[in-house]
């Protein structure tokens, strides 16, 4: 019984940790998230690969979108969940630096 309670406690803590890192795109595009690791979900679009520069955008159900800098391109139109660090650039604004 004690093993079951310990295992259940570990599972609950793990779910809380994973759930805390998933935010909306609108939330992520704020000063408070710069440099933080988050998971963003949405539909992949606008894939581009020019030399070493590659990425795509994701758009969520609320219509918010963000650029994703990634070595791996998602298939356009597919639903994706991407983990990475929120960055801000004077030219591109907010973007997600994916952990490939």
PDB file of N, CA and C in Angstrom:
ATOM      1  N   UNK A   1       0.821  -1.191   0.000  1.00  0.00           N
ATOM      2  CA  UNK A   1       0.000   0.000   0.000  1.00  0.00           C
ATOM      3  C   UNK A   1       0.869   1.261   0.000  1.00  0.00           C
ATOM      4  N   UNK A   2       1.948   1.207   0.766  1.00  0.00           N
ATOM      5  CA  UNK A   2       2.843   2.364   0.856  1.00  0.00           C
ATOM      6  C   UNK A   2       3.498   2.646  -0.494  1.00  0.00           C
ATOM      7  N   UNK A   3       3.859   1.584  -1.213  1.00  0.00           N
ATOM      8  CA  UNK A   3       4.466   1.748  -2.533  1.00  0.00           C
ATOM      9  C   UNK A   3       3.485   2.399  -3.503  1.00  0.00           C
ATOM     10  N   UNK A   4       2.238   2.021  -3.422  1.00  0.00           N
ATOM     11  CA  UNK A   4       1.223   2.583  -4.300  1.00  0.00           C
ATOM     12  C   UNK A   4       1.038   4.071  -4.020  1.00  0.00           C
ATOM     13  N   UNK A   5       0.993   4.462  -2.753  1.00  0.00           N
ATOM     14  CA  UNK A   5       0.846   5.869  -2.394  1.00  0.00           C
ATOM     15  C   UNK A   5       2.063   6.681  -2.849  1.00  0.00           C
ATOM     16  N   UNK A   6       3.246   6.122  -2.692  1.00  0.00           N
ATOM     17  CA  UNK A   6       4.466   6.807  -3.142  1.00  0.00           C
ATOM     18  C   UNK A   6       4.447   6.985  -4.647  1.00  0.00           C
ATOM     19  N   UNK A   7       4.105   5.943  -5.369  1.00  0.00           N
ATOM     20  CA  UNK A   7       4.033   6.004  -6.825  1.00  0.00           C
ATOM     21  C   UNK A   7       2.971   7.010  -7.282  1.00  0.00           C
ATOM     22  N   UNK A   8       1.835   7.015  -6.635  1.00  0.00           N
ATOM     23  CA  UNK A   8       0.767   7.956  -6.959  1.00  0.00           C
ATOM     24  C   UNK A   8       1.215   9.395  -6.702  1.00  0.00           C
ATOM     25  N   UNK A   9       1.912   9.638  -5.622  1.00  0.00           N
ATOM     26  CA  UNK A   9       2.427  10.977  -5.301  1.00  0.00           C
ATOM     27  C   UNK A   9       3.413  11.449  -6.358  1.00  0.00           C
ATOM     28  N   UNK A  10       4.299  10.568  -6.782  1.00  0.00           N
ATOM     29  CA  UNK A  10       5.278  10.904  -7.815  1.00  0.00           C
ATOM     30  C   UNK A  10       4.567  11.239  -9.123  1.00  0.00           C
ATOM     31  N   UNK A  11       3.563  10.470  -9.471  1.00  0.00           N
ATOM     32  CA  UNK A  11       2.797  10.709 -10.695  1.00  0.00           C
ATOM     33  C   UNK A  11       2.092  12.063 -10.661  1.00  0.00           C
ATOM     34  N   UNK A  12       1.502  12.413  -9.541  1.00  0.00           N
ATOM     35  CA  UNK A  12       0.806  13.699  -9.407  1.00  0.00           C
ATOM     36  C   UNK A  12       1.784  14.855  -9.532  1.00  0.00           C
ATOM     37  N   UNK A  13       2.934  14.763  -8.890  1.00  0.00           N
ATOM     38  CA  UNK A  13       3.946  15.813  -8.976  1.00  0.00           C
ATOM     39  C   UNK A  13       4.434  15.956 -10.418  1.00  0.00           C
ATOM     40  N   UNK A  14       4.660  14.842 -11.100  1.00  0.00           N
ATOM     41  CA  UNK A  14       5.116  14.887 -12.494  1.00  0.00           C
ATOM     42  C   UNK A  14       4.081  15.557 -13.387  1.00  0.00           C
ATOM     43  N   UNK A  15       2.824  15.259 -13.196  1.00  0.00           N
ATOM     44  CA  UNK A  15       1.763  15.884 -13.990  1.00  0.00           C
ATOM     45  C   UNK A  15       1.676  17.381 -13.726  1.00  0.00           C
ATOM     46  N   UNK A  16       1.865  17.789 -12.491  1.00  0.00           N
ATOM     47  CA  UNK A  16       1.847  19.214 -12.165  1.00  0.00           C
ATOM     48  C   UNK A  16       3.011  19.949 -12.817  1.00  0.00           C
ATOM     49  N   UNK A  17       4.184  19.338 -12.807  1.00  0.00           N
ATOM     50  CA  UNK A  17       5.355  19.963 -13.422  1.00  0.00           C
ATOM     51  C   UNK A  17       5.151  20.121 -14.917  1.00  0.00           C
ATOM     52  N   UNK A  18       4.679  19.089 -15.582  1.00  0.00           N
ATOM     53  CA  UNK A  18       4.445  19.149 -17.017  1.00  0.00           C
ATOM     54  C   UNK A  18       3.353  20.156 -17.334  1.00  0.00           C
ATOM     55  N   UNK A  19       2.293  20.182 -16.581  1.00  0.00           N
ATOM     56  CA  UNK A  19       1.186  21.101 -16.810  1.00  0.00           C
ATOM     57  C   UNK A  19       1.577  22.556 -16.620  1.00  0.00           C
ATOM     58  N   UNK A  20       2.484  22.844 -15.724  1.00  0.00           N
ATOM     59  CA  UNK A  20       2.892  24.219 -15.455  1.00  0.00           C
ATOM     60  C   UNK A  20       3.686  24.816 -16.605  1.00  0.00           C
ATOM     61  N   UNK A  21       4.354  23.991 -17.381  1.00  0.00           N
ATOM     62  CA  UNK A  21       5.208  24.527 -18.433  1.00  0.00           C
ATOM     63  C   UNK A  21       4.435  24.790 -19.733  1.00  0.00           C
ATOM     64  N   UNK A  22       3.202  24.334 -19.824  1.00  0.00           N
ATOM     65  CA  UNK A  22       2.405  24.541 -21.022  1.00  0.00           C
ATOM     66  C   UNK A  22       1.584  25.815 -20.854  1.00  0.00           C
ATOM     67  N   UNK A  23       1.806  26.786 -21.756  1.00  0.00           N
ATOM     68  CA  UNK A  23       1.116  28.073 -21.683  1.00  0.00           C
ATOM     69  C   UNK A  23       0.512  28.392 -23.037  1.00  0.00           C
ATOM     70  N   UNK A  24      -0.333  29.408 -23.065  1.00  0.00           N
ATOM     71  CA  UNK A  24      -0.891  29.845 -24.339  1.00  0.00           C
ATOM     72  C   UNK A  24       0.147  30.697 -25.072  1.00  0.00           C
ATOM     73  N   UNK A  25       0.001  30.797 -26.375  1.00  0.00           N
ATOM     74  CA  UNK A  25       0.930  31.608 -27.168  1.00  0.00           C
ATOM     75  C   UNK A  25       0.828  33.073 -26.738  1.00  0.00           C
ATOM     76  N   UNK A  26      -0.381  33.544 -26.488  1.00  0.00           N
ATOM     77  CA  UNK A  26      -0.565  34.931 -26.061  1.00  0.00           C
ATOM     78  C   UNK A  26       0.179  35.201 -24.755  1.00  0.00           C
ATOM     79  N   UNK A  27       0.080  34.270 -23.801  1.00  0.00           N
ATOM     80  CA  UNK A  27       0.798  34.395 -22.529  1.00  0.00           C
ATOM     81  C   UNK A  27       2.307  34.415 -22.750  1.00  0.00           C
ATOM     82  N   UNK A  28       2.777  33.511 -23.594  1.00  0.00           N
ATOM     83  CA  UNK A  28       4.216  33.355 -23.815  1.00  0.00           C
ATOM     84  C   UNK A  28       4.840  34.592 -24.448  1.00  0.00           C
ATOM     85  N   UNK A  29       4.061  35.352 -25.211  1.00  0.00           N
ATOM     86  CA  UNK A  29       4.573  36.545 -25.879  1.00  0.00           C
ATOM     87  C   UNK A  29       4.514  37.747 -24.934  1.00  0.00           C
ATOM     88  N   UNK A  30       5.229  37.623 -23.815  1.00  0.00           N
ATOM     89  CA  UNK A  30       5.301  38.709 -22.838  1.00  0.00           C
ATOM     90  C   UNK A  30       6.688  38.711 -22.196  1.00  0.00           C
ATOM     91  N   UNK A  31       7.075  39.855 -21.684  1.00  0.00           N
ATOM     92  CA  UNK A  31       8.408  40.024 -21.088  1.00  0.00           C
ATOM     93  C   UNK A  31       8.697  38.992 -20.001  1.00  0.00           C
ATOM     94  N   UNK A  32       7.684  38.616 -19.241  1.00  0.00           N
ATOM     95  CA  UNK A  32       7.870  37.687 -18.135  1.00  0.00           C
ATOM     96  C   UNK A  32       8.295  36.284 -18.541  1.00  0.00           C
ATOM     97  N   UNK A  33       8.090  35.923 -19.792  1.00  0.00           N
ATOM     98  CA  UNK A  33       8.441  34.582 -20.256  1.00  0.00           C
ATOM     99  C   UNK A  33       9.762  34.521 -21.012  1.00  0.00           C
ATOM    100  N   UNK A  34      10.383  35.656 -21.300  1.00  0.00           N
ATOM    101  CA  UNK A  34      11.656  35.646 -22.024  1.00  0.00           C
ATOM    102  C   UNK A  34      12.693  34.841 -21.228  1.00  0.00           C
ATOM    103  N   UNK A  35      13.312  33.869 -21.903  1.00  0.00           N
ATOM    104  CA  UNK A  35      14.310  33.018 -21.266  1.00  0.00           C
ATOM    105  C   UNK A  35      13.749  31.809 -20.547  1.00  0.00           C
ATOM    106  N   UNK A  36      12.432  31.690 -20.484  1.00  0.00           N
ATOM    107  CA  UNK A  36      11.812  30.548 -19.798  1.00  0.00           C
ATOM    108  C   UNK A  36      11.472  29.447 -20.794  1.00  0.00           C
ATOM    109  N   UNK A  37      11.532  28.221 -20.323  1.00  0.00           N
ATOM    110  CA  UNK A  37      11.189  27.063 -21.135  1.00  0.00           C
ATOM    111  C   UNK A  37       9.697  26.784 -21.001  1.00  0.00           C
ATOM    112  N   UNK A  38       9.035  26.684 -22.144  1.00  0.00           N
ATOM    113  CA  UNK A  38       7.594  26.441 -22.176  1.00  0.00           C
ATOM    114  C   UNK A  38       7.276  25.421 -23.259  1.00  0.00           C
ATOM    115  N   UNK A  39       6.056  24.929 -23.235  1.00  0.00           N
ATOM    116  CA  UNK A  39       5.543  24.074 -24.298  1.00  0.00           C
ATOM    117  C   UNK A  39       4.362  24.797 -24.929  1.00  0.00           C
ATOM    118  N   UNK A  40       4.425  24.993 -26.242  1.00  0.00           N
ATOM    119  CA  UNK A  40       3.353  25.662 -26.978  1.00  0.00           C
ATOM    120  C   UNK A  40       2.742  24.691 -27.973  1.00  0.00           C
ATOM    121  N   UNK A  41       1.439  24.796 -28.155  1.00  0.00           N
ATOM    122  CA  UNK A  41       0.728  23.899 -29.074  1.00  0.00           C
ATOM    123  C   UNK A  41      -0.078  24.695 -30.077  1.00  0.00           C
ATOM    124  N   UNK A  42      -0.225  24.119 -31.251  1.00  0.00           N
ATOM    125  CA  UNK A  42      -1.018  24.738 -32.291  1.00  0.00           C
ATOM    126  C   UNK A  42      -0.817  24.040 -33.620  1.00  0.00           C
ATOM    127  N   UNK A  43      -1.236  24.711 -34.692  1.00  0.00           N
ATOM    128  CA  UNK A  43      -1.119  24.165 -36.034  1.00  0.00           C
ATOM    129  C   UNK A  43       0.106  24.775 -36.711  1.00  0.00           C
ATOM    130  N   UNK A  44       0.956  23.919 -37.286  1.00  0.00           N
ATOM    131  CA  UNK A  44       2.173  24.373 -37.963  1.00  0.00           C
ATOM    132  C   UNK A  44       1.833  25.022 -39.298  1.00  0.00           C
ATOM    133  N   UNK A  45       2.581  26.084 -39.631  1.00  0.00           N
ATOM    134  CA  UNK A  45       2.345  26.806 -40.869  1.00  0.00           C
ATOM    135  C   UNK A  45       3.636  27.520 -41.273  1.00  0.00           C
ATOM    136  N   UNK A  46       3.699  27.968 -42.505  1.00  0.00           N
ATOM    137  CA  UNK A  46       4.793  28.809 -43.012  1.00  0.00           C
ATOM    138  C   UNK A  46       6.189  28.260 -42.750  1.00  0.00           C
ATOM    139  N   UNK A  47       6.440  27.019 -43.085  1.00  0.00           N
ATOM    140  CA  UNK A  47       7.777  26.442 -42.925  1.00  0.00           C
ATOM    141  C   UNK A  47       8.761  27.112 -43.868  1.00  0.00           C
ATOM    142  N   UNK A  48       9.991  27.314 -43.378  1.00  0.00           N
ATOM    143  CA  UNK A  48      11.030  27.930 -44.207  1.00  0.00           C
ATOM    144  C   UNK A  48      12.389  27.354 -43.828  1.00  0.00           C
ATOM    145  N   UNK A  49      13.218  27.149 -44.841  1.00  0.00           N
ATOM    146  CA  UNK A  49      14.586  26.691 -44.603  1.00  0.00           C
ATOM    147  C   UNK A  49      15.475  27.382 -45.622  1.00  0.00           C
ATOM    148  N   UNK A  50      16.328  28.265 -45.117  1.00  0.00           N
ATOM    149  CA  UNK A  50      17.282  28.989 -45.953  1.00  0.00           C
ATOM    150  C   UNK A  50      18.652  28.834 -45.304  1.00  0.00           C
ATOM    151  N   UNK A  51      19.460  27.962 -45.855  1.00  0.00           N
ATOM    152  CA  UNK A  51      20.771  27.691 -45.251  1.00  0.00           C
ATOM    153  C   UNK A  51      20.603  27.144 -43.852  1.00  0.00           C
ATOM    154  N   UNK A  52      21.245  27.814 -42.883  1.00  0.00           N
ATOM    155  CA  UNK A  52      21.157  27.339 -41.501  1.00  0.00           C
ATOM    156  C   UNK A  52      19.928  27.914 -40.773  1.00  0.00           C
ATOM    157  N   UNK A  53      19.194  28.806 -41.419  1.00  0.00           N
ATOM    158  CA  UNK A  53      17.992  29.380 -40.823  1.00  0.00           C
ATOM    159  C   UNK A  53      16.792  28.523 -41.203  1.00  0.00           C
ATOM    160  N   UNK A  54      16.128  27.978 -40.202  1.00  0.00           N
ATOM    161  CA  UNK A  54      14.933  27.189 -40.490  1.00  0.00           C
ATOM    162  C   UNK A  54      13.932  27.336 -39.353  1.00  0.00           C
ATOM    163  N   UNK A  55      12.673  27.180 -39.713  1.00  0.00           N
ATOM    164  CA  UNK A  55      11.629  27.269 -38.714  1.00  0.00           C
ATOM    165  C   UNK A  55      10.255  27.296 -39.344  1.00  0.00           C
ATOM    166  N   UNK A  56       9.283  27.637 -38.546  1.00  0.00           N
ATOM    167  CA  UNK A  56       7.893  27.680 -38.973  1.00  0.00           C
ATOM    168  C   UNK A  56       7.113  28.491 -37.951  1.00  0.00           C
ATOM    169  N   UNK A  57       5.858  28.720 -38.194  1.00  0.00           N
ATOM    170  CA  UNK A  57       5.003  29.369 -37.207  1.00  0.00           C
ATOM    171  C   UNK A  57       3.985  28.360 -36.703  1.00  0.00           C
ATOM    172  N   UNK A  58       3.511  28.607 -35.492  1.00  0.00           N
ATOM    173  CA  UNK A  58       2.382  27.825 -34.989  1.00  0.00           C
ATOM    174  C   UNK A  58       1.278  28.801 -34.615  1.00  0.00           C
ATOM    175  N   UNK A  59       0.060  28.382 -34.869  1.00  0.00           N
ATOM    176  CA  UNK A  59      -1.120  29.203 -34.601  1.00  0.00           C
ATOM    177  C   UNK A  59      -2.072  28.387 -33.733  1.00  0.00           C
ATOM    178  N   UNK A  60      -2.510  28.990 -32.631  1.00  0.00           N
ATOM    179  CA  UNK A  60      -3.401  28.252 -31.733  1.00  0.00           C
ATOM    180  C   UNK A  60      -4.874  28.497 -32.075  1.00  0.00           C
ATOM    181  N   UNK A  61      -5.750  27.909 -31.308  1.00  0.00           N
ATOM    182  CA  UNK A  61      -7.195  27.985 -31.575  1.00  0.00           C
ATOM    183  C   UNK A  61      -7.754  29.387 -31.390  1.00  0.00           C
ATOM    184  N   UNK A  62      -7.050  30.230 -30.633  1.00  0.00           N
ATOM    185  CA  UNK A  62      -7.484  31.611 -30.427  1.00  0.00           C
ATOM    186  C   UNK A  62      -7.005  32.536 -31.536  1.00  0.00           C
ATOM    187  N   UNK A  63      -6.213  32.009 -32.479  1.00  0.00           N
ATOM    188  CA  UNK A  63      -5.713  32.808 -33.587  1.00  0.00           C
ATOM    189  C   UNK A  63      -4.362  33.447 -33.346  1.00  0.00           C
ATOM    190  N   UNK A  64      -3.783  33.223 -32.167  1.00  0.00           N
ATOM    191  CA  UNK A  64      -2.455  33.757 -31.856  1.00  0.00           C
ATOM    192  C   UNK A  64      -1.397  32.907 -32.543  1.00  0.00           C
ATOM    193  N   UNK A  65      -0.339  33.555 -33.027  1.00  0.00           N
ATOM    194  CA  UNK A  65       0.742  32.793 -33.658  1.00  0.00           C
ATOM    195  C   UNK A  65       2.089  33.271 -33.150  1.00  0.00           C
ATOM    196  N   UNK A  66       3.090  32.396 -33.300  1.00  0.00           N
ATOM    197  CA  UNK A  66       4.458  32.697 -32.892  1.00  0.00           C
ATOM    198  C   UNK A  66       5.397  31.925 -33.811  1.00  0.00           C
ATOM    199  N   UNK A  67       6.544  32.534 -34.089  1.00  0.00           N
ATOM    200  CA  UNK A  67       7.563  31.862 -34.898  1.00  0.00           C
ATOM    201  C   UNK A  67       8.298  30.845 -34.033  1.00  0.00           C
ATOM    202  N   UNK A  68       8.698  29.749 -34.668  1.00  0.00           N
ATOM    203  CA  UNK A  68       9.472  28.702 -33.999  1.00  0.00           C
ATOM    204  C   UNK A  68      10.762  28.521 -34.778  1.00  0.00           C
ATOM    205  N   UNK A  69      11.899  28.760 -34.117  1.00  0.00           N
ATOM    206  CA  UNK A  69      13.195  28.513 -34.744  1.00  0.00           C
ATOM    207  C   UNK A  69      13.586  27.089 -34.394  1.00  0.00           C
ATOM    208  N   UNK A  70      13.717  26.254 -35.432  1.00  0.00           N
ATOM    209  CA  UNK A  70      13.953  24.831 -35.220  1.00  0.00           C
ATOM    210  C   UNK A  70      14.697  24.228 -36.397  1.00  0.00           C
ATOM    211  N   UNK A  71      15.603  23.304 -36.112  1.00  0.00           N
ATOM    212  CA  UNK A  71      16.294  22.578 -37.180  1.00  0.00           C
ATOM    213  C   UNK A  71      15.361  21.575 -37.843  1.00  0.00           C
ATOM    214  N   UNK A  72      14.342  21.141 -37.120  1.00  0.00           N
ATOM    215  CA  UNK A  72      13.367  20.178 -37.621  1.00  0.00           C
ATOM    216  C   UNK A  72      12.107  20.922 -38.027  1.00  0.00           C
ATOM    217  N   UNK A  73      11.710  20.779 -39.271  1.00  0.00           N
ATOM    218  CA  UNK A  73      10.505  21.452 -39.752  1.00  0.00           C
ATOM    219  C   UNK A  73       9.279  20.574 -39.551  1.00  0.00           C
ATOM    220  N   UNK A  74       8.237  21.178 -39.025  1.00  0.00           N
ATOM    221  CA  UNK A  74       6.972  20.464 -38.864  1.00  0.00           C
ATOM    222  C   UNK A  74       6.218  20.492 -40.190  1.00  0.00           C
ATOM    223  N   UNK A  75       5.428  19.466 -40.428  1.00  0.00           N
ATOM    224  CA  UNK A  75       4.606  19.415 -41.635  1.00  0.00           C
ATOM    225  C   UNK A  75       3.513  20.472 -41.529  1.00  0.00           C
ATOM    226  N   UNK A  76       3.414  21.319 -42.555  1.00  0.00           N
ATOM    227  CA  UNK A  76       2.411  22.386 -42.543  1.00  0.00           C
ATOM    228  C   UNK A  76       1.012  21.799 -42.402  1.00  0.00           C
ATOM    229  N   UNK A  77       0.221  22.397 -41.522  1.00  0.00           N
ATOM    230  CA  UNK A  77      -1.140  21.944 -41.278  1.00  0.00           C
ATOM    231  C   UNK A  77      -1.264  20.926 -40.167  1.00  0.00           C
ATOM    232  N   UNK A  78      -0.135  20.404 -39.690  1.00  0.00           N
ATOM    233  CA  UNK A  78      -0.196  19.389 -38.633  1.00  0.00           C
ATOM    234  C   UNK A  78      -0.279  20.043 -37.258  1.00  0.00           C
ATOM    235  N   UNK A  79      -0.920  19.349 -36.335  1.00  0.00           N
ATOM    236  CA  UNK A  79      -0.986  19.802 -34.948  1.00  0.00           C
ATOM    237  C   UNK A  79       0.330  19.440 -34.277  1.00  0.00           C
ATOM    238  N   UNK A  80       0.956  20.431 -33.617  1.00  0.00           N
ATOM    239  CA  UNK A  80       2.251  20.207 -32.979  1.00  0.00           C
ATOM    240  C   UNK A  80       2.228  20.724 -31.548  1.00  0.00           C
ATOM    241  N   UNK A  81       3.111  20.178 -30.760  1.00  0.00           N
ATOM    242  CA  UNK A  81       3.375  20.638 -29.413  1.00  0.00           C
ATOM    243  C   UNK A  81       4.896  20.777 -29.329  1.00  0.00           C
ATOM    244  N   UNK A  82       5.378  22.004 -29.105  1.00  0.00           N
ATOM    245  CA  UNK A  82       6.810  22.283 -29.190  1.00  0.00           C
ATOM    246  C   UNK A  82       7.315  22.821 -27.862  1.00  0.00           C
ATOM    247  N   UNK A  83       8.402  22.219 -27.372  1.00  0.00           N
ATOM    248  CA  UNK A  83       9.041  22.679 -26.140  1.00  0.00           C
ATOM    249  C   UNK A  83      10.260  23.499 -26.520  1.00  0.00           C
ATOM    250  N   UNK A  84      10.428  24.642 -25.873  1.00  0.00           N
ATOM    251  CA  UNK A  84      11.571  25.483 -26.158  1.00  0.00           C
ATOM    252  C   UNK A  84      11.628  26.687 -25.242  1.00  0.00           C
ATOM    253  N   UNK A  85      12.533  27.605 -25.568  1.00  0.00           N
ATOM    254  CA  UNK A  85      12.757  28.805 -24.769  1.00  0.00           C
ATOM    255  C   UNK A  85      12.205  30.020 -25.497  1.00  0.00           C
ATOM    256  N   UNK A  86      11.467  30.850 -24.778  1.00  0.00           N
ATOM    257  CA  UNK A  86      10.930  32.080 -25.363  1.00  0.00           C
ATOM    258  C   UNK A  86      12.066  33.095 -25.490  1.00  0.00           C
ATOM    259  N   UNK A  87      12.207  33.651 -26.693  1.00  0.00           N
ATOM    260  CA  UNK A  87      13.245  34.629 -26.982  1.00  0.00           C
ATOM    261  C   UNK A  87      12.568  35.867 -27.573  1.00  0.00           C
ATOM    262  N   UNK A  88      13.304  36.978 -27.571  1.00  0.00           N
ATOM    263  CA  UNK A  88      12.782  38.193 -28.202  1.00  0.00           C
ATOM    264  C   UNK A  88      13.919  38.840 -28.972  1.00  0.00           C
ATOM    265  N   UNK A  89      13.602  39.223 -30.197  1.00  0.00           N
ATOM    266  CA  UNK A  89      14.570  39.832 -31.095  1.00  0.00           C
ATOM    267  C   UNK A  89      13.981  41.139 -31.602  1.00  0.00           C
ATOM    268  N   UNK A  90      14.819  42.145 -31.817  1.00  0.00           N
ATOM    269  CA  UNK A  90      14.299  43.437 -32.277  1.00  0.00           C
ATOM    270  C   UNK A  90      13.709  43.343 -33.688  1.00  0.00           C
ATOM    271  N   UNK A  91      14.194  42.406 -34.493  1.00  0.00           N
ATOM    272  CA  UNK A  91      13.701  42.255 -35.858  1.00  0.00           C
ATOM    273  C   UNK A  91      12.469  41.346 -35.931  1.00  0.00           C
ATOM    274  N   UNK A  92      12.503  40.207 -35.231  1.00  0.00           N
ATOM    275  CA  UNK A  92      11.434  39.204 -35.332  1.00  0.00           C
ATOM    276  C   UNK A  92      10.413  39.268 -34.201  1.00  0.00           C
ATOM    277  N   UNK A  93      10.693  39.972 -33.143  1.00  0.00           N
ATOM    278  CA  UNK A  93       9.809  39.995 -31.987  1.00  0.00           C
ATOM    279  C   UNK A  93       9.960  38.716 -31.179  1.00  0.00           C
ATOM    280  N   UNK A  94       8.875  38.260 -30.586  1.00  0.00           N
ATOM    281  CA  UNK A  94       8.911  37.042 -29.774  1.00  0.00           C
ATOM    282  C   UNK A  94       8.950  35.807 -30.665  1.00  0.00           C
ATOM    283  N   UNK A  95       9.762  34.821 -30.260  1.00  0.00           N
ATOM    284  CA  UNK A  95       9.793  33.548 -30.959  1.00  0.00           C
ATOM    285  C   UNK A  95      10.182  32.445 -29.985  1.00  0.00           C
ATOM    286  N   UNK A  96       9.952  31.212 -30.390  1.00  0.00           N
ATOM    287  CA  UNK A  96      10.285  30.050 -29.571  1.00  0.00           C
ATOM    288  C   UNK A  96      11.514  29.376 -30.165  1.00  0.00           C
ATOM    289  N   UNK A  97      12.567  29.266 -29.384  1.00  0.00           N
ATOM    290  CA  UNK A  97      13.770  28.551 -29.784  1.00  0.00           C
ATOM    291  C   UNK A  97      13.571  27.096 -29.361  1.00  0.00           C
ATOM    292  N   UNK A  98      13.218  26.255 -30.334  1.00  0.00           N
ATOM    293  CA  UNK A  98      12.855  24.863 -30.044  1.00  0.00           C
ATOM    294  C   UNK A  98      14.039  24.061 -29.548  1.00  0.00           C
ATOM    295  N   UNK A  99      13.740  23.134 -28.652  1.00  0.00           N
ATOM    296  CA  UNK A  99      14.749  22.183 -28.182  1.00  0.00           C
ATOM    297  C   UNK A  99      14.625  20.946 -29.056  1.00  0.00           C
ATOM    298  N   UNK A 100      15.422  20.914 -30.121  1.00  0.00           N
ATOM    299  CA  UNK A 100      15.369  19.793 -31.081  1.00  0.00           C
ATOM    300  C   UNK A 100      16.054  18.572 -30.524  1.00  0.00           C
TER     301      UNK A 100
END
